[in-house]
Amino acid sequence: MCEAHGASLPEAAVAYVLRHPAVVSVVLGSRGRAQVEQNLARAATHVPDALWGDLASAGLIQEFSR
């Protein structure tokens, strides 16, 4: 489903937790420069709102609004 909306699963995972109204930041671990750069790219990726509706309809996530 993520790929159908132009996002990878790791990109969606980062974006999903940030959608929760109680979450103000996310700390992503890394073991080196390459992972830091990868995490920055994932955090900057726009994940379409339609993905969350599709995942909720499929029963894969809990829907909540920010």
PDB file of N, CA and C in Angstrom:
ATOM      1  N   MET A   1       0.812  -1.192   0.000  1.00  0.00           N
ATOM      2  CA  MET A   1       0.000   0.000   0.000  1.00  0.00           C
ATOM      3  C   MET A   1       0.860   1.262   0.000  1.00  0.00           C
ATOM      4  N   CYS A   2       1.937   1.226   0.764  1.00  0.00           N
ATOM      5  CA  CYS A   2       2.811   2.403   0.813  1.00  0.00           C
ATOM      6  C   CYS A   2       3.342   2.746  -0.571  1.00  0.00           C
ATOM      7  N   GLU A   3       3.841   1.742  -1.263  1.00  0.00           N
ATOM      8  CA  GLU A   3       4.401   1.979  -2.592  1.00  0.00           C
ATOM      9  C   GLU A   3       3.362   2.515  -3.562  1.00  0.00           C
ATOM     10  N   ALA A   4       2.116   2.087  -3.418  1.00  0.00           N
ATOM     11  CA  ALA A   4       1.045   2.582  -4.287  1.00  0.00           C
ATOM     12  C   ALA A   4       0.808   4.078  -4.091  1.00  0.00           C
ATOM     13  N   HIS A   5       1.191   4.585  -2.923  1.00  0.00           N
ATOM     14  CA  HIS A   5       1.044   6.011  -2.627  1.00  0.00           C
ATOM     15  C   HIS A   5       2.364   6.766  -2.751  1.00  0.00           C
ATOM     16  N   GLY A   6       3.385   6.100  -3.282  1.00  0.00           N
ATOM     17  CA  GLY A   6       4.666   6.753  -3.533  1.00  0.00           C
ATOM     18  C   GLY A   6       5.555   6.890  -2.316  1.00  0.00           C
ATOM     19  N   ALA A   7       5.350   6.030  -1.321  1.00  0.00           N
ATOM     20  CA  ALA A   7       6.164   6.085  -0.106  1.00  0.00           C
ATOM     21  C   ALA A   7       6.678   4.686   0.227  1.00  0.00           C
ATOM     22  N   SER A   8       7.795   4.639   0.933  1.00  0.00           N
ATOM     23  CA  SER A   8       8.305   3.355   1.403  1.00  0.00           C
ATOM     24  C   SER A   8       7.747   3.097   2.801  1.00  0.00           C
ATOM     25  N   LEU A   9       7.837   1.880   3.269  1.00  0.00           N
ATOM     26  CA  LEU A   9       7.378   1.555   4.617  1.00  0.00           C
ATOM     27  C   LEU A   9       8.149   2.346   5.685  1.00  0.00           C
ATOM     28  N   PRO A  10       9.481   2.460   5.610  1.00  0.00           N
ATOM     29  CA  PRO A  10      10.184   3.276   6.611  1.00  0.00           C
ATOM     30  C   PRO A  10       9.759   4.746   6.591  1.00  0.00           C
ATOM     31  N   GLU A  11       9.512   5.308   5.416  1.00  0.00           N
ATOM     32  CA  GLU A  11       9.042   6.690   5.331  1.00  0.00           C
ATOM     33  C   GLU A  11       7.677   6.840   5.988  1.00  0.00           C
ATOM     34  N   ALA A  12       6.797   5.877   5.729  1.00  0.00           N
ATOM     35  CA  ALA A  12       5.461   5.912   6.329  1.00  0.00           C
ATOM     36  C   ALA A  12       5.537   5.727   7.848  1.00  0.00           C
ATOM     37  N   ALA A  13       6.450   4.900   8.316  1.00  0.00           N
ATOM     38  CA  ALA A  13       6.581   4.664   9.754  1.00  0.00           C
ATOM     39  C   ALA A  13       6.968   5.949  10.488  1.00  0.00           C
ATOM     40  N   VAL A  14       7.896   6.699   9.920  1.00  0.00           N
ATOM     41  CA  VAL A  14       8.310   7.959  10.533  1.00  0.00           C
ATOM     42  C   VAL A  14       7.149   8.952  10.512  1.00  0.00           C
ATOM     43  N   ALA A  15       6.482   9.057   9.385  1.00  0.00           N
ATOM     44  CA  ALA A  15       5.378  10.010   9.252  1.00  0.00           C
ATOM     45  C   ALA A  15       4.190   9.630  10.131  1.00  0.00           C
ATOM     46  N   TYR A  16       3.932   8.342  10.285  1.00  0.00           N
ATOM     47  CA  TYR A  16       2.769   7.884  11.060  1.00  0.00           C
ATOM     48  C   TYR A  16       2.843   8.324  12.513  1.00  0.00           C
ATOM     49  N   VAL A  17       3.968   8.119  13.145  1.00  0.00           N
ATOM     50  CA  VAL A  17       4.057   8.485  14.563  1.00  0.00           C
ATOM     51  C   VAL A  17       3.945   9.996  14.752  1.00  0.00           C
ATOM     52  N   LEU A  18       4.414  10.762  13.783  1.00  0.00           N
ATOM     53  CA  LEU A  18       4.330  12.218  13.889  1.00  0.00           C
ATOM     54  C   LEU A  18       2.900  12.733  13.707  1.00  0.00           C
ATOM     55  N   ARG A  19       2.007  11.892  13.177  1.00  0.00           N
ATOM     56  CA  ARG A  19       0.608  12.299  13.018  1.00  0.00           C
ATOM     57  C   ARG A  19      -0.156  12.283  14.335  1.00  0.00           C
ATOM     58  N   HIS A  20       0.316  11.546  15.307  1.00  0.00           N
ATOM     59  CA  HIS A  20      -0.408  11.450  16.575  1.00  0.00           C
ATOM     60  C   HIS A  20      -0.312  12.789  17.310  1.00  0.00           C
ATOM     61  N   PRO A  21      -1.434  13.284  17.837  1.00  0.00           N
ATOM     62  CA  PRO A  21      -1.427  14.603  18.471  1.00  0.00           C
ATOM     63  C   PRO A  21      -0.530  14.706  19.711  1.00  0.00           C
ATOM     64  N   ALA A  22      -0.198  13.602  20.336  1.00  0.00           N
ATOM     65  CA  ALA A  22       0.641  13.646  21.535  1.00  0.00           C
ATOM     66  C   ALA A  22       2.138  13.596  21.208  1.00  0.00           C
ATOM     67  N   VAL A  23       2.492  13.319  19.966  1.00  0.00           N
ATOM     68  CA  VAL A  23       3.898  13.187  19.580  1.00  0.00           C
ATOM     69  C   VAL A  23       4.398  14.512  19.008  1.00  0.00           C
ATOM     70  N   VAL A  24       5.491  15.006  19.565  1.00  0.00           N
ATOM     71  CA  VAL A  24       6.069  16.254  19.072  1.00  0.00           C
ATOM     72  C   VAL A  24       7.415  16.041  18.383  1.00  0.00           C
ATOM     73  N   SER A  25       8.044  14.890  18.622  1.00  0.00           N
ATOM     74  CA  SER A  25       9.309  14.606  17.962  1.00  0.00           C
ATOM     75  C   SER A  25       9.552  13.102  17.933  1.00  0.00           C
ATOM     76  N   VAL A  26      10.445  12.711  17.039  1.00  0.00           N
ATOM     77  CA  VAL A  26      10.822  11.305  16.891  1.00  0.00           C
ATOM     78  C   VAL A  26      12.339  11.248  16.837  1.00  0.00           C
ATOM     79  N   VAL A  27      12.919  10.322  17.570  1.00  0.00           N
ATOM     80  CA  VAL A  27      14.370  10.130  17.543  1.00  0.00           C
ATOM     81  C   VAL A  27      14.651   8.849  16.759  1.00  0.00           C
ATOM     82  N   LEU A  28      15.379   8.990  15.676  1.00  0.00           N
ATOM     83  CA  LEU A  28      15.726   7.851  14.836  1.00  0.00           C
ATOM     84  C   LEU A  28      17.174   7.461  15.095  1.00  0.00           C
ATOM     85  N   GLY A  29      17.410   6.217  15.396  1.00  0.00           N
ATOM     86  CA  GLY A  29      18.760   5.741  15.645  1.00  0.00           C
ATOM     87  C   GLY A  29      19.546   5.581  14.356  1.00  0.00           C
ATOM     88  N   SER A  30      20.848   5.630  14.489  1.00  0.00           N
ATOM     89  CA  SER A  30      21.705   5.415  13.328  1.00  0.00           C
ATOM     90  C   SER A  30      23.078   4.944  13.785  1.00  0.00           C
ATOM     91  N   ARG A  31      23.760   4.215  12.895  1.00  0.00           N
ATOM     92  CA  ARG A  31      25.090   3.700  13.218  1.00  0.00           C
ATOM     93  C   ARG A  31      26.181   4.352  12.390  1.00  0.00           C
ATOM     94  N   GLY A  32      25.822   5.334  11.627  1.00  0.00           N
ATOM     95  CA  GLY A  32      26.845   5.983  10.815  1.00  0.00           C
ATOM     96  C   GLY A  32      26.250   7.069   9.945  1.00  0.00           C
ATOM     97  N   ARG A  33      27.116   7.728   9.210  1.00  0.00           N
ATOM     98  CA  ARG A  33      26.705   8.844   8.358  1.00  0.00           C
ATOM     99  C   ARG A  33      25.641   8.446   7.348  1.00  0.00           C
ATOM    100  N   ALA A  34      25.780   7.280   6.741  1.00  0.00           N
ATOM    101  CA  ALA A  34      24.819   6.847   5.725  1.00  0.00           C
ATOM    102  C   ALA A  34      23.411   6.720   6.309  1.00  0.00           C
ATOM    103  N   GLN A  35      23.315   6.170   7.511  1.00  0.00           N
ATOM    104  CA  GLN A  35      22.001   6.036   8.131  1.00  0.00           C
ATOM    105  C   GLN A  35      21.437   7.386   8.565  1.00  0.00           C
ATOM    106  N   VAL A  36      22.274   8.298   8.991  1.00  0.00           N
ATOM    107  CA  VAL A  36      21.810   9.642   9.331  1.00  0.00           C
ATOM    108  C   VAL A  36      21.205  10.296   8.090  1.00  0.00           C
ATOM    109  N   GLU A  37      21.903  10.209   6.970  1.00  0.00           N
ATOM    110  CA  GLU A  37      21.403  10.791   5.723  1.00  0.00           C
ATOM    111  C   GLU A  37      20.114  10.116   5.277  1.00  0.00           C
ATOM    112  N   GLN A  38      20.052   8.810   5.425  1.00  0.00           N
ATOM    113  CA  GLN A  38      18.846   8.062   5.077  1.00  0.00           C
ATOM    114  C   GLN A  38      17.664   8.492   5.959  1.00  0.00           C
ATOM    115  N   ASN A  39      17.904   8.635   7.247  1.00  0.00           N
ATOM    116  CA  ASN A  39      16.854   9.062   8.164  1.00  0.00           C
ATOM    117  C   ASN A  39      16.366  10.471   7.856  1.00  0.00           C
ATOM    118  N   LEU A  40      17.277  11.369   7.519  1.00  0.00           N
ATOM    119  CA  LEU A  40      16.886  12.731   7.150  1.00  0.00           C
ATOM    120  C   LEU A  40      16.009  12.729   5.905  1.00  0.00           C
ATOM    121  N   ALA A  41      16.381  11.921   4.929  1.00  0.00           N
ATOM    122  CA  ALA A  41      15.582  11.829   3.703  1.00  0.00           C
ATOM    123  C   ALA A  41      14.199  11.252   3.998  1.00  0.00           C
ATOM    124  N   ARG A  42      14.138  10.242   4.843  1.00  0.00           N
ATOM    125  CA  ARG A  42      12.845   9.646   5.197  1.00  0.00           C
ATOM    126  C   ARG A  42      11.953  10.638   5.920  1.00  0.00           C
ATOM    127  N   ALA A  43      12.529  11.398   6.828  1.00  0.00           N
ATOM    128  CA  ALA A  43      11.753  12.371   7.599  1.00  0.00           C
ATOM    129  C   ALA A  43      11.250  13.515   6.723  1.00  0.00           C
ATOM    130  N   ALA A  44      11.965  13.816   5.655  1.00  0.00           N
ATOM    131  CA  ALA A  44      11.580  14.918   4.771  1.00  0.00           C
ATOM    132  C   ALA A  44      10.585  14.501   3.689  1.00  0.00           C
ATOM    133  N   THR A  45      10.349  13.213   3.532  1.00  0.00           N
ATOM    134  CA  THR A  45       9.460  12.716   2.481  1.00  0.00           C
ATOM    135  C   THR A  45       8.006  12.993   2.821  1.00  0.00           C
ATOM    136  N   HIS A  46       7.272  13.547   1.846  1.00  0.00           N
ATOM    137  CA  HIS A  46       5.835  13.771   2.029  1.00  0.00           C
ATOM    138  C   HIS A  46       5.101  12.445   1.821  1.00  0.00           C
ATOM    139  N   VAL A  47       4.307  12.072   2.795  1.00  0.00           N
ATOM    140  CA  VAL A  47       3.483  10.865   2.696  1.00  0.00           C
ATOM    141  C   VAL A  47       2.040  11.327   2.532  1.00  0.00           C
ATOM    142  N   PRO A  48       1.393  10.964   1.422  1.00  0.00           N
ATOM    143  CA  PRO A  48       0.037  11.440   1.151  1.00  0.00           C
ATOM    144  C   PRO A  48      -0.971  11.012   2.223  1.00  0.00           C
ATOM    145  N   ASP A  49      -1.887  11.909   2.564  1.00  0.00           N
ATOM    146  CA  ASP A  49      -2.927  11.609   3.550  1.00  0.00           C
ATOM    147  C   ASP A  49      -3.786  10.416   3.144  1.00  0.00           C
ATOM    148  N   ALA A  50      -3.943  10.192   1.848  1.00  0.00           N
ATOM    149  CA  ALA A  50      -4.763   9.076   1.374  1.00  0.00           C
ATOM    150  C   ALA A  50      -4.225   7.730   1.853  1.00  0.00           C
ATOM    151  N   LEU A  51      -2.925   7.630   2.072  1.00  0.00           N
ATOM    152  CA  LEU A  51      -2.345   6.379   2.554  1.00  0.00           C
ATOM    153  C   LEU A  51      -2.936   6.001   3.901  1.00  0.00           C
ATOM    154  N   TRP A  52      -3.071   6.976   4.798  1.00  0.00           N
ATOM    155  CA  TRP A  52      -3.581   6.682   6.144  1.00  0.00           C
ATOM    156  C   TRP A  52      -5.018   6.167   6.080  1.00  0.00           C
ATOM    157  N   GLY A  53      -5.825   6.740   5.218  1.00  0.00           N
ATOM    158  CA  GLY A  53      -7.199   6.260   5.054  1.00  0.00           C
ATOM    159  C   GLY A  53      -7.242   4.838   4.539  1.00  0.00           C
ATOM    160  N   ASP A  54      -6.391   4.536   3.570  1.00  0.00           N
ATOM    161  CA  ASP A  54      -6.350   3.174   3.020  1.00  0.00           C
ATOM    162  C   ASP A  54      -5.875   2.164   4.063  1.00  0.00           C
ATOM    163  N   LEU A  55      -4.848   2.524   4.834  1.00  0.00           N
ATOM    164  CA  LEU A  55      -4.343   1.618   5.858  1.00  0.00           C
ATOM    165  C   LEU A  55      -5.378   1.406   6.966  1.00  0.00           C
ATOM    166  N   ALA A  56      -6.087   2.471   7.333  1.00  0.00           N
ATOM    167  CA  ALA A  56      -7.133   2.348   8.356  1.00  0.00           C
ATOM    168  C   ALA A  56      -8.290   1.494   7.845  1.00  0.00           C
ATOM    169  N   SER A  57      -8.695   1.679   6.596  1.00  0.00           N
ATOM    170  CA  SER A  57      -9.778   0.884   6.015  1.00  0.00           C
ATOM    171  C   SER A  57      -9.439  -0.597   5.969  1.00  0.00           C
ATOM    172  N   ALA A  58      -8.153  -0.892   5.797  1.00  0.00           N
ATOM    173  CA  ALA A  58      -7.697  -2.276   5.754  1.00  0.00           C
ATOM    174  C   ALA A  58      -7.489  -2.846   7.165  1.00  0.00           C
ATOM    175  N   GLY A  59      -7.691  -2.014   8.199  1.00  0.00           N
ATOM    176  CA  GLY A  59      -7.522  -2.455   9.572  1.00  0.00           C
ATOM    177  C   GLY A  59      -6.071  -2.576  10.001  1.00  0.00           C
ATOM    178  N   LEU A  60      -5.168  -1.890   9.286  1.00  0.00           N
ATOM    179  CA  LEU A  60      -3.734  -2.018   9.574  1.00  0.00           C
ATOM    180  C   LEU A  60      -3.226  -0.955  10.537  1.00  0.00           C
ATOM    181  N   ILE A  61      -3.937   0.153  10.648  1.00  0.00           N
ATOM    182  CA  ILE A  61      -3.554   1.206  11.595  1.00  0.00           C
ATOM    183  C   ILE A  61      -4.802   1.767  12.241  1.00  0.00           C
ATOM    184  N   GLN A  62      -4.578   2.471  13.341  1.00  0.00           N
ATOM    185  CA  GLN A  62      -5.660   3.200  13.995  1.00  0.00           C
ATOM    186  C   GLN A  62      -5.690   4.594  13.404  1.00  0.00           C
ATOM    187  N   GLU A  63      -6.835   5.056  13.000  1.00  0.00           N
ATOM    188  CA  GLU A  63      -6.972   6.396  12.440  1.00  0.00           C
ATOM    189  C   GLU A  63      -7.087   7.410  13.563  1.00  0.00           C
ATOM    190  N   PHE A  64      -6.338   8.489  13.467  1.00  0.00           N
ATOM    191  CA  PHE A  64      -6.464   9.606  14.394  1.00  0.00           C
ATOM    192  C   PHE A  64      -6.150  10.863  13.630  1.00  0.00           C
ATOM    193  N   SER A  65      -6.625  11.973  14.112  1.00  0.00           N
ATOM    194  CA  SER A  65      -6.381  13.235  13.408  1.00  0.00           C
ATOM    195  C   SER A  65      -5.463  14.106  14.240  1.00  0.00           C
ATOM    196  N   ARG A  66      -4.689  14.874  13.585  1.00  0.00           N
ATOM    197  CA  ARG A  66      -3.714  15.756  14.236  1.00  0.00           C
ATOM    198  C   ARG A  66      -4.373  17.021  14.652  1.00  0.00           C
TER     199      ARG A  66
END
